[in-house]
Protein backbone atom coordinates (compact mmCIF):
# COMPACT_ATOMS: atom_id res chain seq x y z
CA MET A 1 -26.81 -28.10 25.40
CA ILE A 2 -23.84 -29.61 23.56
CA LEU A 3 -23.60 -26.44 21.44
CA ILE A 4 -23.85 -24.22 24.55
CA LYS A 5 -21.18 -26.23 26.35
CA SER A 6 -18.87 -26.06 23.33
CA PHE A 7 -19.29 -22.29 23.15
CA PHE A 8 -18.68 -21.78 26.89
CA LEU A 9 -15.47 -23.83 26.69
CA LEU A 10 -13.98 -22.02 23.70
CA ARG A 11 -10.24 -21.45 23.76
CA PRO A 12 -8.84 -18.97 24.51
CA ARG A 13 -11.36 -18.48 27.31
CA PHE A 14 -11.92 -14.76 26.79
CA LEU A 15 -13.60 -15.45 23.40
CA SER A 16 -16.78 -16.79 25.01
CA THR A 17 -16.81 -13.87 27.45
CA ILE A 18 -16.47 -11.33 24.63
CA PHE A 19 -19.17 -12.84 22.40
CA PHE A 20 -21.65 -14.08 25.04
CA ILE A 21 -23.79 -10.92 25.34
CA PRO A 22 -23.57 -9.90 21.63
CA ILE A 23 -24.77 -13.37 20.58
CA LEU A 24 -27.64 -13.26 23.08
CA TYR A 25 -28.54 -9.76 21.87
CA GLY A 26 -28.58 -11.03 18.27
CA ILE A 27 -30.90 -13.87 19.29
CA GLY A 28 -33.14 -11.44 21.19
CA TRP A 29 -33.27 -9.13 18.17
CA ALA A 30 -34.12 -12.02 15.82
CA LEU A 31 -36.88 -13.32 18.09
CA SER A 32 -38.45 -9.84 18.32
CA GLN A 33 -38.62 -9.28 14.53
CA PRO A 34 -41.79 -11.32 13.88
CA LEU A 35 -43.63 -8.71 15.95
CA LEU A 36 -43.26 -6.37 12.95
CA LEU A 37 -46.12 -8.32 11.43
CA PHE A 38 -48.31 -6.91 14.21
CA ASN A 39 -47.27 -3.28 13.52
CA PHE A 40 -45.08 -2.89 16.60
CA ALA A 41 -43.14 0.39 16.73
CA GLU A 42 -39.38 0.13 16.08
CA GLU A 43 -38.43 1.49 19.53
CA ASN A 44 -40.76 -1.06 21.19
CA LEU A 45 -39.12 -3.85 19.21
CA SER A 46 -35.72 -2.76 20.50
CA LEU A 47 -37.00 -2.85 24.09
CA ILE A 48 -38.60 -6.27 23.62
CA GLY A 49 -35.38 -7.59 22.07
CA THR A 50 -33.41 -6.30 25.06
CA ILE A 51 -35.84 -7.95 27.50
CA ILE A 52 -35.55 -11.27 25.64
CA THR A 53 -31.75 -10.93 25.75
CA PHE A 54 -31.76 -10.42 29.51
CA LEU A 55 -34.14 -13.34 30.08
CA LEU A 56 -31.86 -15.60 28.03
CA PHE A 57 -28.89 -14.32 30.01
CA THR A 58 -30.49 -15.11 33.39
CA PHE A 59 -31.52 -18.57 32.13
CA LEU A 60 -27.99 -19.41 30.93
CA LEU A 61 -26.09 -17.82 33.83
CA PRO A 62 -26.15 -20.96 36.05
CA TYR A 63 -24.85 -23.07 33.16
CA TRP A 64 -22.10 -20.51 32.50
CA PHE A 65 -20.61 -20.75 35.97
CA TYR A 66 -21.18 -24.51 36.26
CA ILE A 67 -19.61 -25.38 32.89
CA LYS A 68 -16.81 -22.80 32.85
CA ARG A 69 -15.95 -22.57 36.56
CA ASN A 70 -17.51 -25.66 38.13
CA LYS A 71 -19.49 -23.37 40.46
CA SER A 72 -23.06 -24.23 41.43
CA SER A 73 -24.23 -21.02 43.19
CA PRO A 74 -24.22 -18.30 40.48
CA TRP A 75 -26.58 -15.90 42.29
CA VAL A 76 -24.37 -16.00 45.38
CA ILE A 77 -21.26 -15.46 43.25
CA ILE A 78 -22.63 -12.34 41.56
CA GLY A 79 -24.03 -10.96 44.84
CA ILE A 80 -27.80 -11.25 44.49
CA THR A 81 -28.41 -13.82 47.24
CA LYS A 82 -25.29 -13.04 49.24
CA ASP A 83 -27.23 -12.04 52.37
CA LYS A 84 -30.72 -12.38 53.82
CA PHE A 85 -33.64 -10.42 52.38
CA LEU A 86 -33.71 -7.70 55.05
CA LYS A 87 -30.00 -6.91 54.71
CA ASN A 88 -30.30 -6.84 50.92
CA PHE A 89 -33.28 -4.47 51.17
CA VAL A 90 -31.34 -2.18 53.54
CA ASN A 91 -28.36 -2.13 51.16
CA PHE A 92 -30.67 -1.37 48.23
CA SER A 93 -32.32 1.48 50.17
CA LYS A 94 -28.92 2.89 51.12
CA GLY A 95 -28.03 2.88 47.44
CA ILE A 96 -31.17 4.86 46.55
CA LEU A 97 -30.38 7.43 49.25
CA PHE A 98 -26.77 7.63 48.05
CA ALA A 99 -27.98 8.28 44.48
CA LEU A 100 -30.29 11.06 45.72
CA ILE A 101 -27.39 12.75 47.53
CA LEU A 102 -25.18 12.50 44.42
CA ILE A 103 -27.88 14.11 42.26
CA ILE A 104 -28.36 16.92 44.80
CA LEU A 105 -24.60 17.59 44.78
CA ILE A 106 -24.64 17.76 40.98
CA LEU A 107 -27.58 20.18 41.03
CA VAL A 108 -26.10 22.55 43.67
CA PRO A 109 -23.83 24.56 41.30
CA LEU A 110 -26.68 24.75 38.75
CA LEU A 111 -29.05 26.12 41.37
CA GLN A 112 -26.47 28.66 42.52
CA LYS A 113 -26.12 29.96 38.95
CA ASN A 114 -29.91 30.01 38.38
CA TYR A 115 -29.72 27.58 35.46
CA ILE A 116 -32.77 25.63 36.70
CA SER A 117 -36.43 26.63 36.70
CA TRP A 118 -38.87 24.96 39.10
CA ILE A 119 -42.03 23.61 37.44
CA GLY A 120 -43.36 21.32 40.16
CA GLU A 121 -45.77 19.28 38.04
CA PHE A 122 -46.33 15.85 39.61
CA SER A 123 -47.55 12.92 37.53
CA PRO A 124 -48.22 9.42 38.93
CA ILE A 125 -47.50 7.98 35.48
CA ILE A 126 -44.08 9.64 35.37
CA LEU A 127 -43.38 8.39 38.91
CA LEU A 128 -44.32 4.84 37.90
CA ASN A 129 -42.18 5.06 34.75
CA SER A 130 -39.27 6.35 36.85
CA ILE A 131 -39.53 3.43 39.27
CA VAL A 132 -39.79 0.84 36.48
CA LEU A 133 -36.94 2.45 34.51
CA GLY A 134 -34.69 2.74 37.57
CA LEU A 135 -35.32 -0.82 38.72
CA GLY A 136 -35.03 -2.26 35.23
CA VAL A 137 -31.80 -0.50 34.25
CA GLY A 138 -30.21 -0.77 37.69
CA PHE A 139 -31.01 -4.45 38.12
CA ALA A 140 -30.14 -5.58 34.59
CA GLU A 141 -26.92 -3.59 34.11
CA GLU A 142 -25.56 -4.36 37.57
CA ILE A 143 -26.18 -8.09 37.18
CA ILE A 144 -24.38 -8.03 33.84
CA PHE A 145 -21.47 -5.70 34.60
CA ARG A 146 -20.76 -5.78 38.36
CA GLY A 147 -22.25 -9.25 38.71
CA TRP A 148 -21.37 -11.58 35.86
CA LEU A 149 -18.63 -9.68 34.00
CA LEU A 150 -16.69 -8.50 37.04
CA GLU A 151 -16.69 -11.96 38.63
CA GLU A 152 -15.84 -13.69 35.36
CA LEU A 153 -12.88 -11.38 34.76
CA LYS A 154 -11.70 -11.88 38.35
CA PHE A 155 -11.30 -15.61 37.65
CA GLU A 156 -8.89 -14.81 34.81
CA TYR A 157 -7.14 -11.55 35.70
CA GLY A 158 -7.59 -10.79 39.41
CA THR A 159 -9.53 -8.00 41.10
CA LYS A 160 -7.63 -4.86 40.05
CA ILE A 161 -7.49 -5.62 36.32
CA SER A 162 -11.09 -6.86 36.28
CA ILE A 163 -12.35 -3.61 37.83
CA ALA A 164 -10.65 -1.58 35.08
CA LEU A 165 -11.72 -3.89 32.24
CA GLN A 166 -15.40 -4.08 33.20
CA ALA A 167 -15.49 -0.28 33.66
CA LEU A 168 -14.14 0.21 30.13
CA VAL A 169 -16.67 -2.26 28.71
CA PHE A 170 -19.44 -0.53 30.68
CA CYS A 171 -18.30 2.81 29.29
CA PHE A 172 -18.20 1.82 25.61
CA VAL A 173 -21.40 -0.21 25.42
CA HIS A 174 -23.37 2.97 26.13
CA ASN A 175 -24.28 4.55 22.83
CA LEU A 176 -23.63 8.32 22.69
CA SER A 177 -25.60 10.51 20.29
CA ASN A 178 -23.68 13.69 21.13
CA GLU A 179 -21.20 14.78 18.46
CA ASN A 180 -19.22 17.33 20.49
CA PHE A 181 -15.73 15.96 21.18
CA TRP A 182 -15.45 17.26 24.76
CA ASN A 183 -18.97 16.11 25.60
CA ILE A 184 -18.10 12.61 24.40
CA ILE A 185 -14.89 12.63 26.45
CA GLY A 186 -16.82 13.79 29.51
CA LEU A 187 -19.47 11.10 29.13
CA ARG A 188 -16.94 8.33 28.52
CA LEU A 189 -14.90 9.41 31.54
CA GLY A 190 -18.04 9.65 33.68
CA PHE A 191 -19.25 6.17 32.71
CA THR A 192 -15.78 4.71 33.36
CA LEU A 193 -15.55 6.28 36.81
CA LEU A 194 -19.10 5.13 37.62
CA GLY A 195 -18.16 1.58 36.63
CA ILE A 196 -15.06 1.66 38.84
CA PHE A 197 -16.95 3.22 41.75
CA LEU A 198 -19.76 0.63 41.65
CA SER A 199 -17.19 -2.19 41.57
CA LEU A 200 -15.50 -0.75 44.65
CA VAL A 201 -18.87 -0.45 46.38
CA LYS A 202 -19.51 -4.14 45.72
CA ILE A 203 -16.11 -5.07 47.11
CA ARG A 204 -16.69 -2.90 50.19
CA ASP A 205 -20.05 -4.67 50.69
CA LYS A 206 -18.26 -8.05 50.65
CA GLY A 207 -19.72 -9.10 47.32
CA SER A 208 -23.32 -7.95 47.77
CA LEU A 209 -24.72 -6.31 44.64
CA TRP A 210 -27.79 -4.61 46.12
CA ASN A 211 -26.15 -1.33 47.09
CA CYS A 212 -24.86 -1.02 43.51
CA ILE A 213 -28.35 -1.75 42.13
CA GLY A 214 -29.79 0.96 44.39
CA ILE A 215 -27.18 3.54 43.37
CA HIS A 216 -27.41 2.81 39.64
CA GLY A 217 -31.19 2.48 39.59
CA GLY A 218 -31.57 5.56 41.78
CA LEU A 219 -29.43 7.71 39.50
CA VAL A 220 -31.45 6.67 36.45
CA GLY A 221 -34.91 6.75 38.02
CA ILE A 222 -34.57 9.91 40.13
CA TRP A 223 -32.97 11.89 37.29
CA PHE A 224 -35.75 10.81 34.92
CA PHE A 225 -38.42 11.81 37.44
CA ILE A 226 -37.13 15.29 38.26
CA ASN A 227 -36.55 16.09 34.58
CA ASN A 228 -40.10 15.21 33.53
CA GLY A 229 -42.19 17.80 35.31
CA LEU A 230 -40.33 18.97 38.41
CA ILE A 231 -37.53 21.09 36.92
CA GLU A 232 -36.47 22.55 33.58
CA PHE A 233 -33.01 23.58 32.44
CA LYS A 234 -32.64 26.99 30.86
CA GLU A 235 -31.35 27.28 27.28
CA ASN A 236 -28.06 28.89 28.35
CA THR A 237 -27.15 26.04 30.75
CA PRO A 238 -23.56 24.97 29.98
CA SER A 239 -22.97 21.29 29.25
CA PHE A 240 -19.91 21.10 31.46
CA LEU A 241 -22.09 21.87 34.51
CA ALA A 242 -25.26 19.90 33.69
CA GLY A 243 -23.87 17.27 31.33
CA PRO A 244 -24.35 16.92 27.55
CA PHE A 245 -27.92 17.56 26.44
CA THR A 246 -30.13 15.12 24.50
CA GLN A 247 -33.66 16.33 23.71
CA ASN A 248 -33.38 19.16 26.25
CA ILE A 249 -32.42 16.78 29.09
CA PRO A 250 -28.76 16.61 30.16
CA ASN A 251 -26.88 13.44 31.11
CA PRO A 252 -25.31 14.42 34.45
CA ILE A 253 -22.71 11.64 34.29
CA GLY A 254 -20.73 13.79 31.82
CA SER A 255 -20.78 16.95 33.94
CA PHE A 256 -17.70 18.35 35.67
CA SER A 257 -19.38 18.00 39.07
CA ALA A 258 -20.21 14.30 38.54
CA ILE A 259 -16.72 13.49 37.25
CA LEU A 260 -15.08 15.24 40.21
CA ILE A 261 -17.42 13.59 42.75
CA LEU A 262 -16.96 10.14 41.21
CA LEU A 263 -13.18 10.57 41.10
CA LEU A 264 -13.08 11.47 44.80
CA LEU A 265 -15.41 8.57 45.63
CA CYS A 266 -13.22 6.13 43.67
CA ILE A 267 -10.14 7.26 45.57
CA PHE A 268 -11.95 7.05 48.93
CA TYR A 269 -13.44 3.60 48.26
CA ALA A 270 -10.16 2.30 46.80
CA VAL A 271 -8.40 3.17 50.06
CA LYS A 272 -11.20 1.58 52.10
CA SER A 273 -11.19 -1.54 49.90
CA LYS A 274 -7.43 -1.88 50.31
CA LYS A 275 -7.82 -1.79 54.08
CA TYR A 276 -10.56 -4.41 53.84
CA PHE A 277 -8.33 -6.75 51.81
CA LEU A 278 -5.49 -6.29 54.27
CA ARG A 279 -7.76 -7.14 57.22
CA SER A 280 -9.05 -10.23 55.38
CA PHE A 281 -5.50 -11.34 54.58
CA ASN A 282 -4.31 -10.87 58.15
């Protein structure tokens, strides 16, 4: 605990913020390596290491806010227990519905140009994987980026700068395998706009994180589900409409439609958030 406290109180303060997750990831990776003795696959080791990292993060989160900020309600601060269960569930459900609408809007120009073939194969296993993937990614990444990181940066730099900084971090921690320059630019821009948009959603929801979890998890889970049996993209589908392809499945966040939609949403929510701050101030 003395070592943890010393690390949390490093000066300048941003050093502990920068190295917190990388150090936890290194510990998670190290703790997962003994599983090689039991012939675990490399990709499974990576997943197990990530799970260990997140468990360590959730365990240390209360100490982080108590030691660094003298705050004793970390889950309220990051927006997990901001409201009662029913309201949180409604916000989460609204996020899922919002994600579904966004995906439909992205698919509309592709359907109009006949770039999509309908397969219609339903698999309960794929559905279960989609739910687990959506919940896992949505919950973990939103707690880290729009929960812990956004709130931590707000203590130091204020709301506006923290929104931009966490969006940039969110953008660059996502590993991109695509080597096309314009595809990389599209994906980076899409991730940045998504990070800004989700931050504005949290602000509009008065600090509750559940709408963001629903949107993020819905985008990941629904897209995975429809691309594993329901639809198939034709070989001549352009990347700028569907998003850069990886193993025959595009990432829609880098498509022109997604970037345009997210840009408009950011502008709309920024205006709404400004009005909310003005009302709170008055």
